[in-house]
Structure formats: structure tokens, C-alpha cells
Protein backbone atom coordinates (compact mmCIF):
# COMPACT_ATOMS: atom_id res chain seq x y z
CA MET A 1 -62.76 -19.66 16.80
CA PRO A 2 -60.81 -21.66 14.59
CA LEU A 3 -60.64 -20.85 11.03
CA PRO A 4 -62.94 -23.15 8.83
CA LYS A 5 -60.85 -25.94 7.08
CA LYS A 6 -61.34 -25.01 3.56
CA ARG A 7 -59.83 -21.48 4.49
CA TRP A 8 -56.89 -23.24 5.90
CA GLU A 9 -56.75 -25.28 2.93
CA SER A 10 -56.72 -22.01 0.56
CA MET A 11 -54.28 -20.14 2.67
CA ALA A 12 -51.82 -23.22 2.77
CA LYS A 13 -52.19 -23.40 -1.09
CA GLY A 14 -51.52 -19.67 -1.58
CA LEU A 15 -48.24 -20.06 0.63
CA VAL A 16 -47.20 -22.80 -1.32
CA LEU A 17 -47.77 -21.31 -4.73
CA GLY A 18 -46.21 -18.05 -3.39
CA ALA A 19 -42.97 -19.91 -2.42
CA LEU A 20 -42.56 -21.76 -5.39
CA PHE A 21 -43.17 -18.65 -7.62
CA THR A 22 -40.58 -16.79 -5.50
CA SER A 23 -38.23 -19.51 -6.29
CA PHE A 24 -38.77 -19.72 -9.90
CA LEU A 25 -38.25 -15.48 -9.90
CA LEU A 26 -35.07 -16.13 -8.22
CA LEU A 27 -33.93 -18.91 -10.41
CA LEU A 28 -34.71 -16.78 -13.30
CA TYR A 29 -33.34 -13.44 -11.85
CA SER A 30 -29.88 -15.53 -11.02
CA TYR A 31 -29.90 -16.58 -14.66
CA ALA A 32 -30.62 -13.24 -16.10
CA VAL A 33 -28.37 -11.30 -14.02
CA PRO A 34 -24.90 -12.88 -13.62
CA PRO A 35 -22.54 -12.50 -10.69
CA LEU A 36 -20.45 -9.62 -10.37
CA GLN A 37 -16.91 -10.61 -11.47
CA ALA A 38 -13.83 -9.12 -9.80
CA GLY A 39 -11.48 -9.59 -12.48
CA LEU A 40 -11.46 -9.58 -16.43
CA ALA A 41 -13.58 -12.26 -17.93
CA SER A 42 -11.51 -14.70 -19.71
CA THR A 43 -11.54 -14.30 -23.62
CA THR A 44 -13.64 -16.69 -25.68
CA PRO A 45 -11.84 -19.58 -27.42
CA GLU A 46 -11.95 -17.82 -30.59
CA ALA A 47 -9.27 -15.32 -29.89
CA ALA A 48 -7.26 -16.28 -33.07
CA ALA A 49 -10.25 -15.21 -35.18
CA PRO A 50 -10.24 -11.42 -35.13
CA CYS A 51 -12.73 -9.33 -37.08
CA SER A 52 -12.65 -9.75 -40.85
CA PRO A 53 -14.22 -6.77 -42.64
CA ALA A 54 -15.59 -6.90 -46.04
CA GLY A 55 -13.56 -4.00 -47.09
CA ASP A 56 -11.74 -1.16 -45.35
CA GLU A 57 -13.58 2.19 -44.76
CA PRO A 58 -11.89 5.31 -45.67
CA GLU A 59 -9.71 6.64 -42.92
CA ALA A 60 -11.19 9.03 -40.30
CA ALA A 61 -11.23 12.68 -40.73
CA THR A 62 -9.57 14.73 -38.18
CA ALA A 63 -11.63 16.28 -35.39
CA THR A 64 -11.34 19.71 -36.96
CA ASN A 65 -12.30 18.96 -40.22
CA GLY A 66 -15.10 16.65 -40.38
CA SER A 67 -18.33 17.59 -41.58
CA ALA A 68 -17.24 20.88 -42.99
CA GLY A 69 -15.02 19.43 -45.50
CA GLY A 70 -15.07 16.50 -48.15
CA CYS A 71 -14.60 13.56 -45.50
CA GLN A 72 -16.55 10.43 -45.60
CA PRO A 73 -19.02 9.39 -43.17
CA ARG A 74 -17.58 7.09 -40.43
CA ARG A 75 -19.75 3.88 -39.82
CA ASN A 76 -17.61 1.83 -37.70
CA ILE A 77 -18.67 2.99 -33.90
CA VAL A 78 -18.18 1.61 -30.55
CA PHE A 79 -20.09 3.38 -27.76
CA MET A 80 -19.45 2.42 -24.24
CA LYS A 81 -22.93 3.15 -22.79
CA THR A 82 -22.21 4.28 -19.09
CA HIS A 83 -25.15 4.45 -16.82
CA LYS A 84 -27.28 7.69 -16.35
CA THR A 85 -25.48 9.67 -18.28
CA ALA A 86 -28.06 10.73 -21.14
CA SER A 87 -26.55 7.34 -22.60
CA SER A 88 -30.19 6.36 -24.07
CA THR A 89 -30.42 9.65 -26.21
CA LEU A 90 -27.09 8.85 -27.71
CA LEU A 91 -28.33 5.11 -28.15
CA ASN A 92 -31.00 6.34 -30.14
CA ILE A 93 -29.23 8.33 -32.35
CA LEU A 94 -26.76 5.26 -33.33
CA PHE A 95 -29.73 3.21 -33.69
CA ARG A 96 -31.28 5.63 -36.25
CA PHE A 97 -28.04 6.11 -38.34
CA GLY A 98 -27.36 2.32 -38.26
CA GLN A 99 -30.81 1.58 -39.57
CA LYS A 100 -30.71 4.50 -42.02
CA HIS A 101 -27.30 2.93 -43.59
CA GLY A 102 -28.15 -0.43 -43.22
CA LEU A 103 -25.20 -1.17 -40.99
CA LYS A 104 -24.80 -4.37 -38.87
CA PHE A 105 -25.07 -3.90 -35.12
CA ALA A 106 -23.47 -6.52 -32.41
CA PHE A 107 -26.51 -6.96 -30.26
CA PRO A 108 -26.73 -9.05 -27.18
CA SER A 109 -29.20 -11.75 -26.86
CA GLY A 110 -32.02 -12.38 -24.51
CA ARG A 111 -31.83 -9.16 -23.13
CA ASN A 112 -30.83 -5.63 -23.67
CA ASP A 113 -27.42 -5.53 -22.15
CA PHE A 114 -24.16 -7.69 -22.36
CA ASP A 115 -24.74 -9.55 -19.24
CA TYR A 116 -24.02 -6.58 -17.30
CA PRO A 117 -22.40 -6.41 -14.64
CA ALA A 118 -20.18 -9.21 -15.90
CA PHE A 119 -17.34 -8.17 -18.16
CA PHE A 120 -18.23 -8.26 -22.10
CA ALA A 121 -17.28 -11.20 -24.04
CA ARG A 122 -17.88 -11.74 -27.95
CA SER A 123 -19.85 -14.89 -27.29
CA LEU A 124 -22.65 -12.74 -25.62
CA VAL A 125 -23.32 -11.24 -29.07
CA GLN A 126 -26.40 -12.39 -30.74
CA ASP A 127 -25.57 -15.00 -33.75
CA TYR A 128 -21.94 -14.45 -32.90
CA ARG A 129 -19.65 -16.66 -35.26
CA PRO A 130 -15.56 -16.50 -35.09
CA GLY A 131 -14.32 -13.86 -37.44
CA ALA A 132 -17.67 -12.00 -37.40
CA CYS A 133 -17.15 -8.11 -37.78
CA PHE A 134 -19.66 -5.39 -37.03
CA ASN A 135 -20.29 -1.76 -37.67
CA ILE A 136 -21.78 -0.61 -34.31
CA ILE A 137 -21.52 -1.83 -30.76
CA CYS A 138 -23.44 0.26 -28.20
CA ASN A 139 -25.62 -1.66 -25.43
CA HIS A 140 -24.56 -1.57 -21.84
CA MET A 141 -21.63 -3.52 -20.92
CA ARG A 142 -18.89 -3.97 -18.44
CA PHE A 143 -16.02 -2.79 -20.76
CA HIS A 144 -13.39 -5.32 -21.98
CA TYR A 145 -11.44 -3.64 -24.75
CA ASP A 146 -9.65 -6.78 -26.20
CA GLU A 147 -13.15 -8.47 -26.50
CA VAL A 148 -14.65 -5.24 -28.13
CA ARG A 149 -11.78 -4.27 -30.30
CA SER A 150 -11.98 -8.13 -32.01
CA LEU A 151 -15.25 -7.55 -33.21
CA VAL A 152 -15.00 -4.06 -35.33
CA PRO A 153 -12.76 -2.85 -38.01
CA PRO A 154 -9.43 -1.30 -37.17
CA ASN A 155 -10.55 2.33 -37.83
CA ALA A 156 -13.62 1.91 -35.77
CA THR A 157 -14.28 5.22 -33.27
CA PHE A 158 -14.55 4.59 -29.85
CA ILE A 159 -16.76 7.26 -27.78
CA THR A 160 -18.54 7.32 -24.32
CA VAL A 161 -20.10 9.70 -22.24
CA LEU A 162 -19.39 11.03 -18.67
CA ARG A 163 -21.21 13.06 -16.14
CA ASP A 164 -20.83 15.06 -13.12
CA PRO A 165 -19.97 11.97 -10.18
CA ALA A 166 -22.17 13.71 -7.75
CA ARG A 167 -25.19 14.37 -10.02
CA LEU A 168 -24.70 10.72 -11.47
CA PHE A 169 -24.61 9.15 -8.07
CA GLU A 170 -27.63 10.95 -7.31
CA SER A 171 -29.46 9.75 -10.13
CA SER A 172 -28.22 6.15 -9.68
CA PHE A 173 -29.13 6.12 -6.22
CA HIS A 174 -32.83 7.04 -6.72
CA TYR A 175 -33.13 4.75 -10.02
CA PHE A 176 -31.34 1.51 -8.80
CA GLY A 177 -31.92 1.74 -5.00
CA PRO A 178 -34.63 -0.47 -4.92
CA VAL A 179 -32.50 -3.41 -6.28
CA VAL A 180 -29.47 -2.40 -4.06
CA PRO A 181 -30.48 -4.37 -0.88
CA LEU A 182 -28.23 -2.35 1.22
CA THR A 183 -30.40 0.79 0.62
CA TRP A 184 -33.33 -0.83 2.27
CA LYS A 185 -32.11 -0.49 5.78
CA LEU A 186 -31.61 2.93 5.52
CA PRO A 187 -33.83 4.71 7.95
CA GLY A 188 -35.73 8.14 7.46
CA ARG A 189 -37.45 9.72 4.32
CA ASP A 190 -34.22 11.18 2.64
CA LYS A 191 -32.26 8.02 2.35
CA LEU A 192 -29.73 9.58 -0.11
CA ALA A 193 -28.81 12.24 2.51
CA GLU A 194 -28.83 9.41 5.31
CA PHE A 195 -26.34 7.38 3.10
CA LEU A 196 -24.25 10.35 2.48
CA GLN A 197 -23.67 11.28 6.06
CA ASP A 198 -21.74 8.05 6.75
CA PRO A 199 -21.28 5.78 3.53
CA GLY A 200 -18.79 3.66 5.28
CA ARG A 201 -21.68 2.48 7.86
CA TYR A 202 -23.72 1.29 5.03
CA TYR A 203 -21.92 0.62 1.86
CA ASP A 204 -20.57 -2.91 1.49
CA PRO A 205 -18.36 -3.49 -1.64
CA ARG A 206 -19.53 -7.13 -1.79
CA GLY A 207 -23.21 -6.47 -1.64
CA TYR A 208 -25.73 -7.25 -4.28
CA ASN A 209 -25.49 -4.53 -6.99
CA ALA A 210 -23.37 -2.17 -4.73
CA HIS A 211 -21.50 -1.10 -7.69
CA TYR A 212 -24.20 1.06 -8.66
CA LEU A 213 -23.34 3.21 -5.70
CA ARG A 214 -19.76 4.02 -5.72
CA ASN A 215 -17.64 5.15 -8.85
CA LEU A 216 -19.94 3.54 -11.08
CA LEU A 217 -18.35 5.30 -14.33
CA PHE A 218 -14.84 3.87 -13.35
CA PHE A 219 -16.76 0.26 -13.02
CA ASP A 220 -18.39 0.32 -16.45
CA LEU A 221 -15.17 1.31 -18.10
CA GLY A 222 -13.84 -1.82 -16.62
CA TYR A 223 -11.75 -0.66 -14.04
CA ASP A 224 -11.90 -1.48 -9.96
CA SER A 225 -14.01 0.88 -8.44
CA SER A 226 -12.85 0.23 -5.00
CA LEU A 227 -9.22 1.24 -5.82
CA ASP A 228 -7.23 3.72 -3.54
CA PRO A 229 -7.73 7.07 -5.04
CA GLY A 230 -4.14 7.72 -4.37
CA SER A 231 -3.01 4.80 -6.24
CA PRO A 232 -0.89 5.21 -9.46
CA ARG A 233 -3.17 3.01 -11.24
CA VAL A 234 -5.84 5.39 -11.21
CA ARG A 235 -4.13 7.91 -13.31
CA GLU A 236 -2.85 4.84 -15.42
CA HIS A 237 -6.40 3.71 -16.19
CA ILE A 238 -7.49 7.40 -16.92
CA LEU A 239 -4.85 7.74 -19.38
CA GLU A 240 -5.71 4.37 -20.86
CA VAL A 241 -9.10 5.62 -21.51
CA GLU A 242 -7.68 8.72 -23.33
CA ARG A 243 -5.81 6.61 -25.46
CA ARG A 244 -8.59 4.10 -26.37
CA PHE A 245 -11.33 6.53 -26.91
CA GLN A 246 -11.42 9.34 -29.80
CA LEU A 247 -13.91 11.51 -28.06
CA VAL A 248 -15.57 11.59 -24.36
CA LEU A 249 -18.70 13.27 -24.41
CA LEU A 250 -20.08 15.10 -21.59
CA GLN A 251 -23.41 14.86 -20.30
CA GLU A 252 -23.80 18.46 -18.86
CA TYR A 253 -22.81 19.85 -22.47
CA PHE A 254 -24.67 17.50 -24.64
CA ASP A 255 -25.12 19.81 -27.63
CA GLU A 256 -21.53 20.77 -27.63
CA SER A 257 -20.66 17.18 -27.39
CA LEU A 258 -22.81 16.38 -30.64
CA VAL A 259 -21.47 18.92 -32.68
CA LEU A 260 -17.85 17.62 -31.86
CA LEU A 261 -19.20 14.12 -32.49
CA LYS A 262 -20.82 15.05 -35.87
CA ASP A 263 -17.47 16.62 -36.85
CA LEU A 264 -15.37 13.55 -36.09
CA LEU A 265 -17.74 11.03 -37.56
CA CYS A 266 -18.52 13.54 -40.66
CA TRP A 267 -21.90 12.93 -40.33
CA GLU A 268 -25.20 15.32 -41.17
CA LEU A 269 -26.85 17.63 -38.80
CA GLU A 270 -29.87 15.24 -39.32
CA ASP A 271 -28.01 12.52 -38.08
CA VAL A 272 -27.78 14.18 -34.47
CA LEU A 273 -31.13 15.54 -33.78
CA TYR A 274 -32.61 14.06 -30.57
CA PHE A 275 -35.22 14.32 -28.11
CA LYS A 276 -34.19 13.38 -24.28
CA LEU A 277 -35.06 9.92 -23.44
CA ASN A 278 -35.46 8.07 -20.47
CA ALA A 279 -35.14 11.32 -18.28
CA ARG A 280 -36.64 11.42 -14.88
CA ARG A 281 -39.31 13.38 -13.57
CA ALA A 282 -38.30 16.50 -11.63
CA ALA A 283 -37.72 15.38 -8.20
CA ALA A 284 -40.11 17.03 -5.46
CA GLY A 285 -37.39 17.83 -3.03
CA PRO A 286 -34.05 19.66 -3.57
CA ARG A 287 -31.30 18.44 -5.48
CA LEU A 288 -27.76 17.82 -4.02
CA THR A 289 -26.30 21.09 -2.80
CA GLY A 290 -23.71 22.21 -0.68
CA ASP A 291 -22.59 20.03 1.92
CA LEU A 292 -24.36 16.79 0.37
CA TYR A 293 -22.96 17.51 -3.22
CA ARG A 294 -19.22 17.54 -2.00
CA ARG A 295 -19.87 14.41 -0.07
CA ALA A 296 -21.27 12.86 -2.96
CA THR A 297 -18.23 13.86 -4.95
CA ALA A 298 -15.78 12.87 -2.23
CA TRP A 299 -17.44 9.35 -2.20
CA ASN A 300 -17.10 8.94 -5.78
CA ARG A 301 -13.56 10.15 -5.94
CA LEU A 302 -12.29 7.84 -8.62
CA ASP A 303 -14.95 9.30 -11.10
CA ALA A 304 -14.51 12.77 -9.78
CA ARG A 305 -10.62 12.49 -11.09
CA LEU A 306 -11.80 10.64 -14.30
CA TYR A 307 -14.34 13.64 -14.89
CA ARG A 308 -11.88 16.45 -14.26
CA HIS A 309 -9.34 15.15 -16.73
CA PHE A 310 -11.92 14.65 -19.51
CA ASN A 311 -13.57 17.96 -18.56
CA ALA A 312 -10.25 19.76 -19.23
CA SER A 313 -9.66 17.61 -22.55
CA PHE A 314 -13.18 18.26 -23.76
CA TRP A 315 -12.64 21.98 -23.62
CA ARG A 316 -9.53 21.63 -25.20
CA LYS A 317 -11.41 20.13 -28.17
CA VAL A 318 -13.81 22.86 -28.00
CA GLU A 319 -11.02 25.41 -28.49
CA ALA A 320 -9.52 23.55 -31.14
CA PHE A 321 -12.64 23.39 -32.87
CA GLY A 322 -13.41 27.22 -32.52
CA ARG A 323 -15.47 28.83 -29.70
CA GLU A 324 -17.45 30.88 -32.39
CA ARG A 325 -17.88 28.01 -34.84
CA MET A 326 -19.32 25.86 -31.69
CA ALA A 327 -21.72 28.62 -30.81
CA ARG A 328 -23.12 28.56 -34.46
CA GLU A 329 -23.23 24.82 -34.98
CA VAL A 330 -25.22 24.52 -31.25
CA ALA A 331 -27.62 27.09 -32.11
CA ALA A 332 -28.23 25.37 -35.55
CA LEU A 333 -28.73 21.75 -33.47
CA ARG A 334 -31.19 23.66 -31.14
CA ARG A 335 -33.07 25.23 -33.70
CA ALA A 336 -33.41 21.87 -35.71
CA ASN A 337 -34.39 20.12 -32.46
CA GLU A 338 -36.97 22.77 -31.75
CA ARG A 339 -38.32 22.40 -35.36
CA MET A 340 -38.77 18.58 -34.56
CA ARG A 341 -40.14 19.04 -31.39
CA ARG A 342 -43.24 21.24 -33.00
CA ILE A 343 -43.30 18.65 -35.92
CA CYS A 344 -43.16 15.33 -33.95
CA ILE A 345 -44.41 15.85 -30.17
CA ASP A 346 -48.10 16.10 -29.21
CA GLY A 347 -48.31 18.94 -26.46
CA GLY A 348 -44.83 19.56 -27.18
CA GLN A 349 -43.27 18.04 -24.04
CA ALA A 350 -42.46 14.88 -22.24
CA VAL A 351 -45.25 13.42 -20.14
CA ASP A 352 -45.62 11.08 -17.32
CA ALA A 353 -45.93 7.43 -18.02
CA ALA A 354 -49.69 7.32 -17.00
CA ALA A 355 -50.34 9.90 -20.02
CA ILE A 356 -48.62 8.11 -22.63
CA GLN A 357 -51.13 6.75 -24.95
CA ASP A 358 -49.21 4.24 -27.10
CA SER A 359 -47.44 1.24 -25.69
CA ALA A 360 -44.71 1.45 -28.24
CA LEU A 361 -43.52 4.66 -26.55
CA GLN A 362 -43.77 3.46 -22.93
CA PRO A 363 -40.31 3.68 -21.53
CA TRP A 364 -38.86 1.05 -19.24
CA GLN A 365 -39.79 2.13 -15.70
CA PRO A 366 -37.40 1.20 -12.31
CA LEU A 367 -38.92 -1.13 -9.95
CA GLY A 368 -41.63 0.17 -7.39
CA ALA A 369 -42.13 3.67 -9.22
CA LYS A 370 -42.63 5.33 -12.59
CA PRO A 371 -40.51 8.24 -12.63
CA ILE A 372 -39.37 8.17 -16.40
CA LEU A 373 -41.18 10.44 -18.62
CA GLY A 374 -41.63 9.65 -22.37
CA TYR A 375 -43.85 11.18 -25.38
CA ASN A 376 -46.88 10.94 -27.53
CA LEU A 377 -46.49 11.18 -31.04
CA LYS A 378 -48.57 13.66 -32.92
CA LYS A 379 -51.62 12.09 -34.96
CA SER A 380 -51.11 13.98 -38.07
CA ILE A 381 -47.83 14.06 -39.37
CA GLY A 382 -46.17 14.83 -42.78
CA ARG A 383 -45.07 11.65 -44.98
CA ARG A 384 -41.44 13.40 -44.97
CA HIS A 385 -41.19 13.36 -41.08
CA ALA A 386 -43.52 10.33 -40.03
CA GLN A 387 -40.78 7.91 -39.68
CA LEU A 388 -37.95 10.06 -38.18
CA CYS A 389 -40.29 11.37 -35.70
CA ARG A 390 -41.57 7.95 -34.49
CA ARG A 391 -37.81 6.70 -34.54
CA MET A 392 -36.49 9.67 -32.60
CA LEU A 393 -39.36 9.07 -29.75
CA THR A 394 -38.94 5.28 -29.44
CA PRO A 395 -37.44 4.04 -26.15
CA GLU A 396 -34.44 1.53 -26.07
CA ILE A 397 -36.38 -1.72 -25.61
CA GLN A 398 -39.01 -1.28 -28.28
CA TYR A 399 -36.07 0.23 -30.74
CA LEU A 400 -34.04 -3.12 -30.09
CA MET A 401 -37.48 -5.19 -30.93
CA ASP A 402 -37.71 -3.45 -34.12
CA LEU A 403 -34.46 -3.96 -35.04
CA GLY A 404 -34.76 -7.76 -34.59
CA VAL A 405 -33.18 -8.63 -31.40
CA ASN A 406 -34.14 -11.51 -29.07
CA LEU A 407 -35.37 -9.88 -25.86
CA TRP A 408 -37.01 -13.06 -24.32
CA VAL A 409 -35.62 -12.39 -20.89
CA THR A 410 -36.46 -8.67 -20.75
CA LYS A 411 -39.98 -9.38 -22.06
CA LEU A 412 -40.61 -12.05 -19.37
CA TRP A 413 -38.95 -9.92 -16.69
CA LYS A 414 -41.60 -7.35 -18.19
CA PHE A 415 -44.70 -9.85 -18.03
CA ILE A 416 -44.10 -10.47 -14.39
CA ARG A 417 -43.55 -6.89 -13.16
CA ASP A 418 -46.70 -6.26 -15.10
CA PHE A 419 -48.53 -9.09 -13.63
CA LEU A 420 -47.30 -8.33 -10.00
CA ARG A 421 -47.90 -4.63 -10.62
CA TRP A 422 -44.20 -3.62 -9.59
């Protein structure tokens, strides 16, 4: 029996509207997410107009005499924010410090990153003017040293954070998988295990967002993530990172990393207090173990070489700092964090997204799932700690808006996702 004419008309209208809406989304997304660039972005035309600070900051304290002596706090900082490395937690620390001291951030415009995965360019900074000088740069980017260097004073401190490449790959695969089309065709329930059995069968370096699935650290730092691991350029790049960055933190030793950072920057203990942000709910199945861990490491061999190098240099810094002193300061940091947990967090621990009562504390979630945990702020907190508690618990997107960043693309994308329940 043929369908009534009105129903056919309704279906036709729905198809047309759906096609138009899909086209709009694709157009918007192509604007908001720039195409991957194989080479370095050209510098902006104002290359002859370097950063012009109002006044020079005192020279940096050495990494062994920082907060213990009479050094001056460092306020010019570049944080190369890598993906899935606890970098959101460190970002919150920098936001709080900059806000507390009235520092000038170089923020992106329209979204919460500098047009990643395109290379960073100074023209991407919100309200950029030639010769502009900033204290802190810390949002996601694909690193371009010369462009970043031009925006901060000569004595700026460069830092970044790394993570065990196999663990990072696992986290990146689960978080970004929905926006990496090459993962959609993977069979079976355990797509990660299937991929690692024969990565070459599924991986296409030219595929959309494929950079998330191989040597992501190398990529974020601005290098070619498809280099032959035996190429001499790999070691050259690693040594270049060592020259440019005064401290490379390790996610697995986050507290020890923060102690070294506090010392390097001559900060106070309160400046590096933290709650773990943007953490994923523990997976129901087992983590990478045994053969799959080895396969993931081998697949991310460039990142593995990078990580081994800076793991070794990290522990040399710890030795220079002093093992006993490190143990004391880590213990002090953990006691202070625990005290703030009791003061600030309702229930004392992170909760699923559905249990978060305040939308201002709701973290950004990946497409198709809500695995990222957040917190509930206690209802009654003394005036002394109320502001600090809220800032420590505020996710990246909301904190950026609090700091006056124009996030129209991010907010529009959130509205569309909420409307479609993605």
C-alpha cells in the first residue's frame, strides 16, 4: 500500500533539511579544523617585529637553588601542551598563576587551541599586534619554535610534558578514535588490539586525523611523525628539544615533575597544588599488557626514543636536586593536595559526568561517550579557600571563558553536539 502523499512530503523535507544541515556541519568543521600541513607554516609578515617587553625580568634561578633561596619567581613561561599527558592539569596550574599575578596570556581566538593540527603562527593569537609580548603561552598547538619565541621575552622558560608512548597511544586511541575515520572499519569489540595486530593494514598517514594514532608527541613538537626511526634526524630533533626546553616533565612522575618545576620557576607550594583534571574513567577491560604493550611501543618508536632520552635526563635532574630533598617535597605536596581535597571536593573524589551538579564544572567529552570525570564543589567552603577551590576544579573550556577568551567556534560546536546528543 503506497504511503500517503503528506507522509512522503514530510520525509522528503526531512531528507533535504538533513542534507543541508550535514553540509553546514561539514563546512563549519572544515573551517574550525584546518587541514594537516606537511611542512612548517610560513611565518607571519611581521617577522621583523619581535616581542617588545615593557621591562626585563630578573634572570632565572638555577634548577638547584630555586624556591629554597632568594630567587625571583619566573613569570614568562611557554608550556608546549602535548595531548593525553596530564597537560590539562598543568594548564590549570598556569591559568591560576597567571590570573593571580595579572599576567598576559597569548590565547587562541574562536577555539581552545591554535588551529591544531596546523603549525602555530603568531597571527593566530587573539588580538595579536606586531611587537606584542606575552607572559604565558600554554594552549594546544603544533609547535613552531620561531613563531612562539617571537611572542615572549628572551628569558622565557620553555617546558613540556611527555608520557610513556604505549600508554599515551592507548589513551589517544580511545579518546580520538571517533574522529579518526580509519578506526571505523576495525572489526571486533577490541578495536585497539585488532589495530595493533597489524597496524600497517589499517593505518594511512594521509588519513584524516591519522596523526593521533602514531608518534603523537613527535607530531605535537612540530616534527615529522613518519620519519624512519633509524634516521639521524630523529636524534637531531631530540637534542633540539633538549636545547629549547629547560624542563621536560613526565606524566608518570607528575609530583616529582612539579617539585622540579616549582624549583625552576621559584614558585610557592600553593602555586603547584592540583586536582587531576580531564581524567578518563578506568576502562572496564585490561590495560595494555605484555605483547600489546610491546607492539604499541614499537608502533610509536619515535616517541619511544624521545621518551627514553628525557626519562634519563629527568632522573639526572632528580639526582642533582637530591633524592632525600625530593622525597620530602613530594610528601609535602601530597599532604597539601590531600588537605585541599578535603576542603574543596564534595564526596572527596572525581565522579562521572552525569553526577556533576554544576555545569561550570562539566568537562569537555569526546564524541559518542562521556568517559571524562569531573568534580562537585562543596557547598560550604570558607572565604579563605572558596576562590582557590573553584579555580582548581574548573575545566579548561570554562576557565578560558572566565579569562575572557573568545570561544565562539567551540561554543557553537558544543551547542550542535548537545542538540544532536553526540
